[in-house]
């Protein structure tokens, strides 16, 4: 079985183009984790890991801390998510099998002005 991990998020600000033109705003680091920030719309900034292979070793509490820090730094609402998908053989109706996601879990947290407003963990 294969495992795939990803971490992503969004910042909602008044004007993303004014927030991101300076070079020091394009990356956000906490400890040894570096996130890339890119404009996703007029009022949205997309958050992604610079080194996607690190997603496997970043725990939920660290994601929550990063979410709160970004929310405090930009004085806005931030939502971050970690997704873990497990791939394996799944039976299909014709008697064969497909290699697809057989199990997944997701952690989502949201902060507003540095305060956590929601946290959710689900398996599906």
N, C-alpha and C. Protein backbone atom coordinates (compact mmCIF):
# COMPACT_ATOMS: atom_id res chain seq x y z
N UNK A 1 0.83 -1.18 0.00
CA UNK A 1 0.00 0.00 0.00
C UNK A 1 0.88 1.25 0.00
N UNK A 2 0.42 2.24 -0.68
CA UNK A 2 1.11 3.52 -0.75
C UNK A 2 0.36 4.55 0.08
N UNK A 3 1.12 5.50 0.61
CA UNK A 3 0.55 6.58 1.40
C UNK A 3 0.92 7.91 0.77
N UNK A 4 -0.03 8.82 0.72
CA UNK A 4 0.22 10.15 0.19
C UNK A 4 -0.24 11.19 1.22
N UNK A 5 0.64 12.14 1.52
CA UNK A 5 0.35 13.18 2.49
C UNK A 5 0.43 14.54 1.80
N UNK A 6 -0.47 15.43 2.17
CA UNK A 6 -0.41 16.79 1.64
C UNK A 6 -0.88 17.78 2.69
N UNK A 7 -0.34 18.97 2.62
CA UNK A 7 -0.74 20.07 3.51
C UNK A 7 -0.99 21.29 2.64
N UNK A 8 -2.13 21.91 2.83
CA UNK A 8 -2.48 23.10 2.06
C UNK A 8 -3.33 24.02 2.90
N UNK A 9 -3.57 25.21 2.38
CA UNK A 9 -4.40 26.14 3.13
C UNK A 9 -4.73 27.39 2.33
N UNK A 10 -5.49 28.26 2.97
CA UNK A 10 -5.91 29.54 2.39
C UNK A 10 -5.89 30.62 3.46
N UNK A 11 -5.49 31.81 3.03
CA UNK A 11 -5.63 33.03 3.83
C UNK A 11 -6.66 33.90 3.13
N UNK A 12 -7.54 34.54 3.90
CA UNK A 12 -8.50 35.47 3.33
C UNK A 12 -8.15 36.86 3.84
N UNK A 13 -7.72 37.73 2.92
CA UNK A 13 -7.28 39.08 3.26
C UNK A 13 -8.07 40.08 2.42
N UNK A 14 -7.97 41.36 2.78
CA UNK A 14 -8.70 42.39 2.04
C UNK A 14 -8.22 42.54 0.61
N UNK A 15 -6.90 42.49 0.39
CA UNK A 15 -6.37 42.63 -0.96
C UNK A 15 -5.07 41.84 -1.07
N UNK A 16 -5.16 40.65 -1.65
CA UNK A 16 -4.00 39.75 -1.72
C UNK A 16 -2.84 40.35 -2.50
N UNK A 17 -3.12 41.12 -3.53
CA UNK A 17 -2.05 41.70 -4.33
C UNK A 17 -1.24 42.73 -3.56
N UNK A 18 -1.84 43.37 -2.58
CA UNK A 18 -1.09 44.32 -1.75
C UNK A 18 -0.29 43.61 -0.67
N UNK A 19 -0.75 42.44 -0.24
CA UNK A 19 -0.07 41.69 0.82
C UNK A 19 1.17 40.99 0.28
N UNK A 20 1.12 40.46 -0.93
CA UNK A 20 2.20 39.62 -1.46
C UNK A 20 3.25 40.27 -2.36
N UNK A 21 3.23 41.55 -2.65
CA UNK A 21 4.25 42.04 -3.57
C UNK A 21 5.66 42.04 -2.99
N UNK A 22 5.81 42.13 -1.68
CA UNK A 22 7.15 42.13 -1.09
C UNK A 22 7.68 40.70 -0.99
N UNK A 23 8.97 40.53 -1.23
CA UNK A 23 9.55 39.19 -1.31
C UNK A 23 9.51 38.44 0.01
N UNK A 24 9.56 39.12 1.15
CA UNK A 24 9.56 38.40 2.43
C UNK A 24 8.19 37.83 2.76
N UNK A 25 7.16 38.21 2.04
CA UNK A 25 5.82 37.67 2.27
C UNK A 25 5.54 36.43 1.42
N UNK A 26 6.41 36.09 0.51
CA UNK A 26 6.18 34.95 -0.37
C UNK A 26 6.47 33.61 0.31
N UNK A 27 7.25 33.63 1.36
CA UNK A 27 7.53 32.42 2.14
C UNK A 27 7.27 32.70 3.60
N UNK A 28 6.84 31.66 4.29
CA UNK A 28 6.60 31.75 5.73
C UNK A 28 7.26 30.53 6.36
N UNK A 29 8.14 30.75 7.31
CA UNK A 29 8.85 29.64 7.96
C UNK A 29 8.53 29.60 9.44
N UNK A 30 8.32 28.39 9.93
CA UNK A 30 8.21 28.15 11.36
C UNK A 30 9.06 26.92 11.65
N UNK A 31 10.02 27.10 12.52
CA UNK A 31 11.04 26.07 12.76
C UNK A 31 11.69 25.71 11.43
N UNK A 32 11.61 24.45 11.02
CA UNK A 32 12.24 24.05 9.76
C UNK A 32 11.22 23.82 8.64
N UNK A 33 9.98 24.29 8.82
CA UNK A 33 8.93 24.13 7.83
C UNK A 33 8.76 25.44 7.07
N UNK A 34 8.84 25.37 5.74
CA UNK A 34 8.69 26.57 4.92
C UNK A 34 7.44 26.42 4.05
N UNK A 35 6.54 27.38 4.19
CA UNK A 35 5.33 27.41 3.37
C UNK A 35 5.49 28.47 2.28
N UNK A 36 4.95 28.20 1.12
CA UNK A 36 4.92 29.15 0.03
C UNK A 36 3.54 29.81 0.01
N UNK A 37 3.52 31.11 -0.19
CA UNK A 37 2.27 31.86 -0.26
C UNK A 37 2.14 32.41 -1.68
N UNK A 38 0.99 32.21 -2.29
CA UNK A 38 0.77 32.72 -3.65
C UNK A 38 -0.66 33.22 -3.77
N UNK A 39 -0.84 34.25 -4.58
CA UNK A 39 -2.16 34.84 -4.77
C UNK A 39 -3.07 33.84 -5.48
N UNK A 40 -4.25 33.62 -4.91
CA UNK A 40 -5.22 32.68 -5.48
C UNK A 40 -6.47 33.41 -5.95
N UNK A 41 -6.57 34.66 -5.67
CA UNK A 41 -7.72 35.47 -6.05
C UNK A 41 -7.54 36.86 -5.48
N UNK A 42 -8.53 37.71 -5.68
CA UNK A 42 -8.43 39.09 -5.19
C UNK A 42 -8.25 39.12 -3.67
N UNK A 43 -8.97 38.27 -2.95
CA UNK A 43 -8.92 38.27 -1.49
C UNK A 43 -8.41 36.96 -0.91
N UNK A 44 -7.75 36.13 -1.71
CA UNK A 44 -7.28 34.83 -1.23
C UNK A 44 -5.81 34.62 -1.53
N UNK A 45 -5.14 34.00 -0.57
CA UNK A 45 -3.75 33.60 -0.75
C UNK A 45 -3.67 32.10 -0.47
N UNK A 46 -3.06 31.36 -1.37
CA UNK A 46 -2.91 29.92 -1.24
C UNK A 46 -1.65 29.60 -0.45
N UNK A 47 -1.74 28.61 0.43
CA UNK A 47 -0.61 28.16 1.25
C UNK A 47 -0.25 26.74 0.81
N UNK A 48 1.04 26.49 0.56
CA UNK A 48 1.50 25.15 0.24
C UNK A 48 2.89 24.94 0.83
N UNK A 49 3.26 23.70 1.01
CA UNK A 49 4.60 23.38 1.50
C UNK A 49 5.63 23.56 0.39
N UNK A 50 6.76 24.15 0.72
CA UNK A 50 7.84 24.25 -0.28
C UNK A 50 8.39 22.86 -0.56
N UNK A 51 8.61 22.07 0.48
CA UNK A 51 9.10 20.70 0.34
C UNK A 51 7.96 19.74 0.69
N UNK A 52 7.25 19.28 -0.32
CA UNK A 52 6.05 18.45 -0.11
C UNK A 52 6.35 17.14 0.62
N UNK A 53 7.58 16.67 0.56
CA UNK A 53 7.93 15.42 1.24
C UNK A 53 7.90 15.56 2.77
N UNK A 54 7.92 16.79 3.27
CA UNK A 54 7.87 17.01 4.72
C UNK A 54 6.49 16.75 5.32
N UNK A 55 5.45 16.69 4.49
CA UNK A 55 4.08 16.56 4.98
C UNK A 55 3.88 15.33 5.86
N UNK A 56 4.63 14.27 5.60
CA UNK A 56 4.48 13.04 6.38
C UNK A 56 4.92 13.24 7.84
N UNK A 57 5.84 14.15 8.10
CA UNK A 57 6.39 14.30 9.44
C UNK A 57 5.83 15.51 10.22
N UNK A 58 4.88 16.22 9.64
CA UNK A 58 4.30 17.39 10.31
C UNK A 58 3.00 16.96 10.99
N UNK A 59 2.95 17.11 12.30
CA UNK A 59 1.80 16.66 13.07
C UNK A 59 0.72 17.75 13.15
N UNK A 60 -0.47 17.32 13.55
CA UNK A 60 -1.62 18.22 13.60
C UNK A 60 -1.38 19.46 14.46
N UNK A 61 -0.74 19.30 15.61
CA UNK A 61 -0.49 20.45 16.49
C UNK A 61 0.40 21.49 15.82
N UNK A 62 1.36 21.05 15.01
CA UNK A 62 2.24 21.98 14.30
C UNK A 62 1.45 22.73 13.22
N UNK A 63 0.54 22.04 12.56
CA UNK A 63 -0.31 22.69 11.56
C UNK A 63 -1.18 23.75 12.23
N UNK A 64 -1.73 23.41 13.38
CA UNK A 64 -2.55 24.36 14.13
C UNK A 64 -1.75 25.58 14.56
N UNK A 65 -0.51 25.38 14.99
CA UNK A 65 0.38 26.48 15.37
C UNK A 65 0.68 27.37 14.18
N UNK A 66 0.99 26.76 13.03
CA UNK A 66 1.27 27.54 11.81
C UNK A 66 0.04 28.34 11.39
N UNK A 67 -1.11 27.73 11.48
CA UNK A 67 -2.36 28.39 11.11
C UNK A 67 -2.58 29.63 11.99
N UNK A 68 -2.40 29.48 13.30
CA UNK A 68 -2.57 30.60 14.22
C UNK A 68 -1.53 31.69 13.97
N UNK A 69 -0.29 31.30 13.71
CA UNK A 69 0.77 32.29 13.44
C UNK A 69 0.48 33.09 12.17
N UNK A 70 0.09 32.41 11.10
CA UNK A 70 -0.24 33.12 9.86
C UNK A 70 -1.44 34.05 10.06
N UNK A 71 -2.42 33.57 10.79
CA UNK A 71 -3.62 34.36 11.05
C UNK A 71 -3.28 35.61 11.86
N UNK A 72 -2.40 35.46 12.82
CA UNK A 72 -1.96 36.60 13.64
C UNK A 72 -1.12 37.57 12.82
N UNK A 73 -0.20 37.02 12.03
CA UNK A 73 0.71 37.86 11.24
C UNK A 73 -0.03 38.73 10.22
N UNK A 74 -1.02 38.14 9.55
CA UNK A 74 -1.74 38.87 8.52
C UNK A 74 -3.09 39.43 9.00
N UNK A 75 -3.42 39.23 10.28
CA UNK A 75 -4.67 39.72 10.88
C UNK A 75 -5.87 39.33 10.00
N UNK A 76 -6.02 38.02 9.78
CA UNK A 76 -7.07 37.55 8.89
C UNK A 76 -7.52 36.14 9.29
N UNK A 77 -8.42 35.58 8.49
CA UNK A 77 -8.89 34.21 8.68
C UNK A 77 -8.00 33.29 7.85
N UNK A 78 -7.56 32.19 8.46
CA UNK A 78 -6.70 31.20 7.79
C UNK A 78 -7.27 29.82 8.04
N UNK A 79 -7.26 29.00 7.00
CA UNK A 79 -7.69 27.60 7.13
C UNK A 79 -6.57 26.73 6.56
N UNK A 80 -6.17 25.72 7.35
CA UNK A 80 -5.13 24.79 6.90
C UNK A 80 -5.63 23.36 7.03
N UNK A 81 -5.12 22.51 6.15
CA UNK A 81 -5.59 21.12 6.09
C UNK A 81 -4.43 20.17 5.82
N UNK A 82 -4.44 19.03 6.52
CA UNK A 82 -3.50 17.95 6.22
C UNK A 82 -4.34 16.75 5.79
N UNK A 83 -4.00 16.19 4.65
CA UNK A 83 -4.72 15.04 4.11
C UNK A 83 -3.76 13.87 3.99
N UNK A 84 -4.20 12.72 4.47
CA UNK A 84 -3.43 11.47 4.36
C UNK A 84 -4.31 10.48 3.62
N UNK A 85 -3.85 10.02 2.46
CA UNK A 85 -4.59 9.04 1.68
C UNK A 85 -3.79 7.75 1.59
N UNK A 86 -4.47 6.63 1.78
CA UNK A 86 -3.85 5.32 1.67
C UNK A 86 -4.41 4.64 0.43
N UNK A 87 -3.52 4.24 -0.47
CA UNK A 87 -3.92 3.61 -1.72
C UNK A 87 -3.76 2.10 -1.62
N UNK A 88 -4.71 1.39 -2.21
CA UNK A 88 -4.65 -0.06 -2.23
C UNK A 88 -5.61 -0.60 -3.28
N UNK A 89 -5.72 -1.92 -3.35
CA UNK A 89 -6.63 -2.54 -4.30
C UNK A 89 -8.05 -2.49 -3.75
N UNK A 90 -8.95 -2.00 -4.56
CA UNK A 90 -10.36 -1.96 -4.20
C UNK A 90 -11.12 -2.82 -5.21
N UNK A 91 -12.03 -3.63 -4.70
CA UNK A 91 -12.82 -4.49 -5.59
C UNK A 91 -13.82 -3.64 -6.37
N UNK A 92 -14.02 -4.01 -7.59
CA UNK A 92 -15.02 -3.34 -8.43
C UNK A 92 -16.08 -4.36 -8.83
N UNK A 93 -17.20 -3.88 -9.35
CA UNK A 93 -18.36 -4.74 -9.60
C UNK A 93 -18.12 -5.85 -10.62
N UNK A 94 -17.22 -5.66 -11.54
CA UNK A 94 -17.00 -6.67 -12.58
C UNK A 94 -16.05 -7.78 -12.14
N UNK A 95 -15.71 -7.82 -10.88
CA UNK A 95 -14.86 -8.88 -10.37
C UNK A 95 -13.39 -8.56 -10.36
N UNK A 96 -13.00 -7.46 -10.94
CA UNK A 96 -11.60 -7.06 -10.96
C UNK A 96 -11.27 -6.19 -9.77
N UNK A 97 -10.20 -5.47 -9.88
CA UNK A 97 -9.84 -4.55 -8.81
C UNK A 97 -9.15 -3.33 -9.40
N UNK A 98 -9.27 -2.23 -8.70
CA UNK A 98 -8.62 -0.98 -9.08
C UNK A 98 -7.72 -0.54 -7.94
N UNK A 99 -6.62 0.11 -8.29
CA UNK A 99 -5.71 0.67 -7.30
C UNK A 99 -6.15 2.11 -7.05
N UNK A 100 -6.70 2.35 -5.87
CA UNK A 100 -7.27 3.67 -5.58
C UNK A 100 -7.23 3.94 -4.08
N UNK A 101 -7.73 5.09 -3.68
CA UNK A 101 -7.77 5.45 -2.26
C UNK A 101 -8.74 4.51 -1.54
N UNK A 102 -8.24 3.79 -0.55
CA UNK A 102 -9.09 2.87 0.21
C UNK A 102 -9.37 3.40 1.61
N UNK A 103 -8.56 4.37 2.06
CA UNK A 103 -8.74 4.95 3.39
C UNK A 103 -8.09 6.34 3.37
N UNK A 104 -8.72 7.27 4.06
CA UNK A 104 -8.16 8.62 4.12
C UNK A 104 -8.54 9.26 5.45
N UNK A 105 -7.69 10.13 5.92
CA UNK A 105 -8.04 10.94 7.08
C UNK A 105 -7.58 12.37 6.84
N UNK A 106 -8.30 13.30 7.44
CA UNK A 106 -8.03 14.72 7.20
C UNK A 106 -8.14 15.49 8.51
N UNK A 107 -7.19 16.40 8.69
CA UNK A 107 -7.20 17.32 9.81
C UNK A 107 -7.37 18.72 9.25
N UNK A 108 -8.33 19.48 9.77
CA UNK A 108 -8.58 20.85 9.30
C UNK A 108 -8.68 21.75 10.52
N UNK A 109 -7.99 22.89 10.46
CA UNK A 109 -8.13 23.89 11.51
C UNK A 109 -8.32 25.26 10.86
N UNK A 110 -9.00 26.13 11.58
CA UNK A 110 -9.23 27.48 11.09
C UNK A 110 -9.00 28.46 12.23
N UNK A 111 -8.31 29.55 11.92
CA UNK A 111 -8.01 30.57 12.91
C UNK A 111 -8.44 31.93 12.38
N UNK A 112 -8.79 32.80 13.31
CA UNK A 112 -9.17 34.17 12.97
C UNK A 112 -8.39 35.10 13.88
N UNK A 113 -7.55 35.94 13.30
CA UNK A 113 -6.72 36.89 14.04
C UNK A 113 -5.90 36.21 15.15
N UNK A 114 -5.37 35.04 14.86
CA UNK A 114 -4.50 34.34 15.79
C UNK A 114 -5.19 33.41 16.76
N UNK A 115 -6.51 33.38 16.76
CA UNK A 115 -7.27 32.51 17.68
C UNK A 115 -7.92 31.37 16.90
N UNK A 116 -7.76 30.15 17.40
CA UNK A 116 -8.37 29.00 16.74
C UNK A 116 -9.89 29.05 16.91
N UNK A 117 -10.62 28.95 15.80
CA UNK A 117 -12.08 28.98 15.85
C UNK A 117 -12.69 27.62 15.54
N UNK A 118 -11.95 26.74 14.87
CA UNK A 118 -12.45 25.39 14.64
C UNK A 118 -11.30 24.43 14.39
N UNK A 119 -11.57 23.18 14.73
CA UNK A 119 -10.60 22.10 14.55
C UNK A 119 -11.41 20.83 14.32
N UNK A 120 -11.02 20.08 13.29
CA UNK A 120 -11.80 18.89 12.95
C UNK A 120 -10.87 17.81 12.41
N UNK A 121 -11.11 16.59 12.84
CA UNK A 121 -10.36 15.44 12.32
C UNK A 121 -11.39 14.40 11.90
N UNK A 122 -11.26 13.90 10.67
CA UNK A 122 -12.22 12.91 10.20
C UNK A 122 -11.53 11.83 9.39
N UNK A 123 -12.11 10.65 9.44
CA UNK A 123 -11.64 9.51 8.66
C UNK A 123 -12.73 9.15 7.67
N UNK A 124 -12.33 8.82 6.46
CA UNK A 124 -13.31 8.40 5.46
C UNK A 124 -12.67 7.47 4.47
